[in-house]
Amino acid sequence: MRAATDQHNQGERRVNAIRDALVKAGVASDKIQTSAFGEQKPQCNESTDACWQRDRRVDVGFRTGS
Protein backbone atom coordinates (compact mmCIF):
# COMPACT_ATOMS: atom_id res chain seq x y z
CA MET A 1 0.00 0.00 0.00
CA ARG A 2 2.86 2.36 0.74
CA ALA A 3 4.05 2.18 -2.87
CA ALA A 4 0.62 3.26 -4.13
CA THR A 5 0.58 6.16 -1.65
CA ASP A 6 4.07 7.24 -2.73
CA GLN A 7 3.00 7.10 -6.38
CA HIS A 8 -0.09 9.17 -5.63
CA ASN A 9 2.03 11.74 -3.77
CA GLN A 10 4.42 11.94 -6.73
CA GLY A 11 1.47 12.48 -9.04
CA GLU A 12 0.11 15.22 -6.80
CA ARG A 13 3.50 16.94 -6.75
CA ARG A 14 3.68 16.67 -10.54
CA VAL A 15 0.25 18.26 -11.14
CA ASN A 16 0.92 20.95 -8.53
CA ALA A 17 4.17 21.88 -10.29
CA ILE A 18 2.29 22.24 -13.58
CA ARG A 19 -0.46 24.25 -11.85
CA ASP A 20 2.17 26.58 -10.35
CA ALA A 21 3.84 27.04 -13.74
CA LEU A 22 0.51 27.90 -15.39
CA VAL A 23 -0.32 30.43 -12.66
CA LYS A 24 3.14 31.95 -13.00
CA ALA A 25 2.51 32.23 -16.76
CA GLY A 26 -0.66 34.22 -16.07
CA VAL A 27 -3.46 31.66 -16.00
CA ALA A 28 -6.01 32.46 -13.29
CA SER A 29 -5.78 29.81 -10.58
CA ASP A 30 -9.57 29.50 -10.38
CA LYS A 31 -9.56 28.38 -14.02
CA ILE A 32 -7.27 25.42 -13.31
CA GLN A 33 -8.49 22.01 -12.18
CA THR A 34 -5.99 19.27 -11.42
CA SER A 35 -6.21 15.55 -10.72
CA ALA A 36 -3.62 12.86 -10.16
CA PHE A 37 -4.72 9.45 -11.40
CA GLY A 38 -1.61 7.36 -10.80
CA GLU A 39 -2.37 3.76 -11.67
CA GLN A 40 -6.05 4.48 -12.30
CA LYS A 41 -5.58 5.61 -15.93
CA PRO A 42 -2.33 4.19 -17.28
CA GLN A 43 -1.34 4.70 -20.92
CA CYS A 44 0.58 1.44 -20.88
CA ASN A 45 0.17 -1.81 -18.96
CA GLU A 46 3.62 -3.36 -19.29
CA SER A 47 5.83 -3.83 -16.24
CA THR A 48 8.85 -2.05 -17.69
CA ASP A 49 10.74 1.11 -16.82
CA ALA A 50 9.87 2.59 -20.22
CA CYS A 51 6.16 2.02 -19.61
CA TRP A 52 6.25 3.43 -16.11
CA GLN A 53 8.11 6.48 -17.40
CA ARG A 54 5.38 7.11 -20.00
CA ASP A 55 2.80 7.04 -17.22
CA ARG A 56 4.62 9.77 -15.29
CA ARG A 57 2.76 12.47 -17.10
CA VAL A 58 0.38 15.35 -16.74
CA ASP A 59 -2.47 15.64 -19.23
CA VAL A 60 -3.54 19.23 -19.86
CA GLY A 61 -6.81 20.27 -21.43
CA PHE A 62 -8.21 23.70 -22.16
CA ARG A 63 -11.81 24.84 -22.24
CA THR A 64 -12.93 27.76 -24.32
CA GLY A 65 -15.53 30.22 -23.14
CA SER A 66 -16.38 31.25 -19.60
C-alpha atoms as a PDB file:
ATOM      1  CA  MET A   1       0.000   0.000   0.000  1.00  0.00           C
ATOM      2  CA  ARG A   2       2.858   2.364   0.741  1.00  0.00           C
ATOM      3  CA  ALA A   3       4.055   2.183  -2.873  1.00  0.00           C
ATOM      4  CA  ALA A   4       0.620   3.263  -4.125  1.00  0.00           C
ATOM      5  CA  THR A   5       0.584   6.165  -1.654  1.00  0.00           C
ATOM      6  CA  ASP A   6       4.075   7.237  -2.734  1.00  0.00           C
ATOM      7  CA  GLN A   7       2.996   7.099  -6.381  1.00  0.00           C
ATOM      8  CA  HIS A   8      -0.093   9.175  -5.628  1.00  0.00           C
ATOM      9  CA  ASN A   9       2.026  11.742  -3.770  1.00  0.00           C
ATOM     10  CA  GLN A  10       4.419  11.941  -6.725  1.00  0.00           C
ATOM     11  CA  GLY A  11       1.466  12.476  -9.039  1.00  0.00           C
ATOM     12  CA  GLU A  12       0.105  15.224  -6.799  1.00  0.00           C
ATOM     13  CA  ARG A  13       3.498  16.940  -6.754  1.00  0.00           C
ATOM     14  CA  ARG A  14       3.676  16.674 -10.542  1.00  0.00           C
ATOM     15  CA  VAL A  15       0.249  18.257 -11.137  1.00  0.00           C
ATOM     16  CA  ASN A  16       0.915  20.952  -8.530  1.00  0.00           C
ATOM     17  CA  ALA A  17       4.166  21.878 -10.290  1.00  0.00           C
ATOM     18  CA  ILE A  18       2.286  22.237 -13.575  1.00  0.00           C
ATOM     19  CA  ARG A  19      -0.457  24.253 -11.849  1.00  0.00           C
ATOM     20  CA  ASP A  20       2.169  26.576 -10.348  1.00  0.00           C
ATOM     21  CA  ALA A  21       3.843  27.038 -13.742  1.00  0.00           C
ATOM     22  CA  LEU A  22       0.508  27.900 -15.386  1.00  0.00           C
ATOM     23  CA  VAL A  23      -0.324  30.435 -12.655  1.00  0.00           C
ATOM     24  CA  LYS A  24       3.139  31.948 -13.000  1.00  0.00           C
ATOM     25  CA  ALA A  25       2.506  32.229 -16.759  1.00  0.00           C
ATOM     26  CA  GLY A  26      -0.660  34.222 -16.069  1.00  0.00           C
ATOM     27  CA  VAL A  27      -3.459  31.659 -15.998  1.00  0.00           C
ATOM     28  CA  ALA A  28      -6.015  32.464 -13.291  1.00  0.00           C
ATOM     29  CA  SER A  29      -5.776  29.808 -10.579  1.00  0.00           C
ATOM     30  CA  ASP A  30      -9.570  29.503 -10.378  1.00  0.00           C
ATOM     31  CA  LYS A  31      -9.559  28.379 -14.018  1.00  0.00           C
ATOM     32  CA  ILE A  32      -7.269  25.417 -13.311  1.00  0.00           C
ATOM     33  CA  GLN A  33      -8.486  22.014 -12.182  1.00  0.00           C
ATOM     34  CA  THR A  34      -5.987  19.268 -11.420  1.00  0.00           C
ATOM     35  CA  SER A  35      -6.214  15.547 -10.720  1.00  0.00           C
ATOM     36  CA  ALA A  36      -3.617  12.861 -10.164  1.00  0.00           C
ATOM     37  CA  PHE A  37      -4.716   9.452 -11.400  1.00  0.00           C
ATOM     38  CA  GLY A  38      -1.609   7.360 -10.800  1.00  0.00           C
ATOM     39  CA  GLU A  39      -2.370   3.759 -11.673  1.00  0.00           C
ATOM     40  CA  GLN A  40      -6.053   4.478 -12.301  1.00  0.00           C
ATOM     41  CA  LYS A  41      -5.576   5.608 -15.925  1.00  0.00           C
ATOM     42  CA  PRO A  42      -2.330   4.185 -17.283  1.00  0.00           C
ATOM     43  CA  GLN A  43      -1.339   4.698 -20.917  1.00  0.00           C
ATOM     44  CA  CYS A  44       0.576   1.441 -20.876  1.00  0.00           C
ATOM     45  CA  ASN A  45       0.167  -1.807 -18.956  1.00  0.00           C
ATOM     46  CA  GLU A  46       3.619  -3.357 -19.285  1.00  0.00           C
ATOM     47  CA  SER A  47       5.827  -3.828 -16.237  1.00  0.00           C
ATOM     48  CA  THR A  48       8.852  -2.052 -17.685  1.00  0.00           C
ATOM     49  CA  ASP A  49      10.738   1.113 -16.817  1.00  0.00           C
ATOM     50  CA  ALA A  50       9.870   2.587 -20.221  1.00  0.00           C
ATOM     51  CA  CYS A  51       6.163   2.016 -19.610  1.00  0.00           C
ATOM     52  CA  TRP A  52       6.250   3.433 -16.107  1.00  0.00           C
ATOM     53  CA  GLN A  53       8.112   6.482 -17.399  1.00  0.00           C
ATOM     54  CA  ARG A  54       5.376   7.113 -20.000  1.00  0.00           C
ATOM     55  CA  ASP A  55       2.798   7.038 -17.224  1.00  0.00           C
ATOM     56  CA  ARG A  56       4.623   9.765 -15.286  1.00  0.00           C
ATOM     57  CA  ARG A  57       2.761  12.474 -17.100  1.00  0.00           C
ATOM     58  CA  VAL A  58       0.377  15.348 -16.742  1.00  0.00           C
ATOM     59  CA  ASP A  59      -2.469  15.638 -19.233  1.00  0.00           C
ATOM     60  CA  VAL A  60      -3.542  19.225 -19.859  1.00  0.00           C
ATOM     61  CA  GLY A  61      -6.808  20.270 -21.434  1.00  0.00           C
ATOM     62  CA  PHE A  62      -8.213  23.702 -22.160  1.00  0.00           C
ATOM     63  CA  ARG A  63     -11.810  24.841 -22.245  1.00  0.00           C
ATOM     64  CA  THR A  64     -12.927  27.756 -24.322  1.00  0.00           C
ATOM     65  CA  GLY A  65     -15.526  30.220 -23.139  1.00  0.00           C
ATOM     66  CA  SER A  66     -16.376  31.252 -19.601  1.00  0.00           C
END
